[in-house]
Amino acid sequence: MEKVVQLIRCPRCGKSTVWQNNPDRPFCSEKCREVDLGRWANEDYSIPGPEVQPEEDNPEF
């Protein structure tokens, strides 16, 4: 029986990579995975929604 290899495109660079046994999936490499994480950390990506202002009397902010 033949194994089916599932190819995906890296969401960062677009390079084709395999899904199976890929520790960096959905990315093609550790570098692409870390660059994406850094973009989230720098707030280059965001999820749209209303801006929330912290309350003056709320000690959690």
C-alpha atoms as a PDB file:
ATOM      1  CA  MET A   1       0.000   0.000   0.000  1.00  0.00           C
ATOM      2  CA  GLU A   2       1.331   3.412  -1.012  1.00  0.00           C
ATOM      3  CA  LYS A   3       1.701   6.183   1.530  1.00  0.00           C
ATOM      4  CA  VAL A   4      -0.004   9.404   0.538  1.00  0.00           C
ATOM      5  CA  VAL A   5       2.178  12.428   1.193  1.00  0.00           C
ATOM      6  CA  GLN A   6       0.174  15.518   1.991  1.00  0.00           C
ATOM      7  CA  LEU A   7       1.867  18.676   0.743  1.00  0.00           C
ATOM      8  CA  ILE A   8       0.975  22.079   2.149  1.00  0.00           C
ATOM      9  CA  ARG A   9       2.193  25.606   1.510  1.00  0.00           C
ATOM     10  CA  CYS A  10       4.012  27.453   4.267  1.00  0.00           C
ATOM     11  CA  PRO A  11       1.794  30.383   5.325  1.00  0.00           C
ATOM     12  CA  ARG A  12       4.842  32.637   5.667  1.00  0.00           C
ATOM     13  CA  CYS A  13       6.984  31.987   2.569  1.00  0.00           C
ATOM     14  CA  GLY A  14       4.714  29.861   0.356  1.00  0.00           C
ATOM     15  CA  LYS A  15       7.222  27.009  -0.007  1.00  0.00           C
ATOM     16  CA  SER A  16       5.755  23.507  -0.407  1.00  0.00           C
ATOM     17  CA  THR A  17       6.375  21.248   2.553  1.00  0.00           C
ATOM     18  CA  VAL A  18       5.084  17.943   3.889  1.00  0.00           C
ATOM     19  CA  TRP A  19       2.503  17.788   6.676  1.00  0.00           C
ATOM     20  CA  GLN A  20       3.440  14.391   8.098  1.00  0.00           C
ATOM     21  CA  ASN A  21       6.309  14.289  10.622  1.00  0.00           C
ATOM     22  CA  ASN A  22       6.931  18.026  10.266  1.00  0.00           C
ATOM     23  CA  PRO A  23       7.571  19.467  13.741  1.00  0.00           C
ATOM     24  CA  ASP A  24       7.186  23.027  12.410  1.00  0.00           C
ATOM     25  CA  ARG A  25       3.863  22.555  10.652  1.00  0.00           C
ATOM     26  CA  PRO A  26       2.090  24.417   9.238  1.00  0.00           C
ATOM     27  CA  PHE A  27       5.398  26.153   8.493  1.00  0.00           C
ATOM     28  CA  CYS A  28       8.216  24.763   6.371  1.00  0.00           C
ATOM     29  CA  SER A  29      10.967  25.432   8.904  1.00  0.00           C
ATOM     30  CA  GLU A  30      11.777  26.618  12.395  1.00  0.00           C
ATOM     31  CA  LYS A  31      12.827  29.962  10.914  1.00  0.00           C
ATOM     32  CA  CYS A  32       9.412  30.596   9.337  1.00  0.00           C
ATOM     33  CA  ARG A  33       7.681  29.486  12.550  1.00  0.00           C
ATOM     34  CA  GLU A  34       9.762  31.878  14.668  1.00  0.00           C
ATOM     35  CA  VAL A  35       9.363  34.799  12.253  1.00  0.00           C
ATOM     36  CA  ASP A  36       5.584  34.337  12.431  1.00  0.00           C
ATOM     37  CA  LEU A  37       5.689  34.195  16.239  1.00  0.00           C
ATOM     38  CA  GLY A  38       7.747  37.394  16.287  1.00  0.00           C
ATOM     39  CA  ARG A  39       5.198  39.144  14.087  1.00  0.00           C
ATOM     40  CA  TRP A  40       2.434  38.236  16.537  1.00  0.00           C
ATOM     41  CA  ALA A  41       4.594  39.431  19.448  1.00  0.00           C
ATOM     42  CA  ASN A  42       5.246  42.754  17.685  1.00  0.00           C
ATOM     43  CA  GLU A  43       1.499  43.075  17.061  1.00  0.00           C
ATOM     44  CA  ASP A  44       2.029  43.090  13.282  1.00  0.00           C
ATOM     45  CA  TYR A  45      -1.005  40.808  13.151  1.00  0.00           C
ATOM     46  CA  SER A  46      -4.207  41.582  14.947  1.00  0.00           C
ATOM     47  CA  ILE A  47      -7.716  40.308  15.229  1.00  0.00           C
ATOM     48  CA  PRO A  48     -10.221  43.093  14.488  1.00  0.00           C
ATOM     49  CA  GLY A  49     -12.539  44.148  17.233  1.00  0.00           C
ATOM     50  CA  PRO A  50     -13.517  47.151  19.291  1.00  0.00           C
ATOM     51  CA  GLU A  51     -10.721  48.821  21.220  1.00  0.00           C
ATOM     52  CA  VAL A  52     -10.987  48.242  24.946  1.00  0.00           C
ATOM     53  CA  GLN A  53      -9.934  50.995  27.322  1.00  0.00           C
ATOM     54  CA  PRO A  54      -8.777  49.963  30.812  1.00  0.00           C
ATOM     55  CA  GLU A  55     -10.893  51.256  33.664  1.00  0.00           C
ATOM     56  CA  GLU A  56      -9.233  53.632  36.136  1.00  0.00           C
ATOM     57  CA  ASP A  57     -10.390  51.713  39.209  1.00  0.00           C
ATOM     58  CA  ASN A  58      -9.529  48.234  37.882  1.00  0.00           C
ATOM     59  CA  PRO A  59      -6.233  47.080  39.492  1.00  0.00           C
ATOM     60  CA  GLU A  60      -5.754  44.353  36.850  1.00  0.00           C
ATOM     61  CA  PHE A  61      -4.618  46.932  34.270  1.00  0.00           C
END
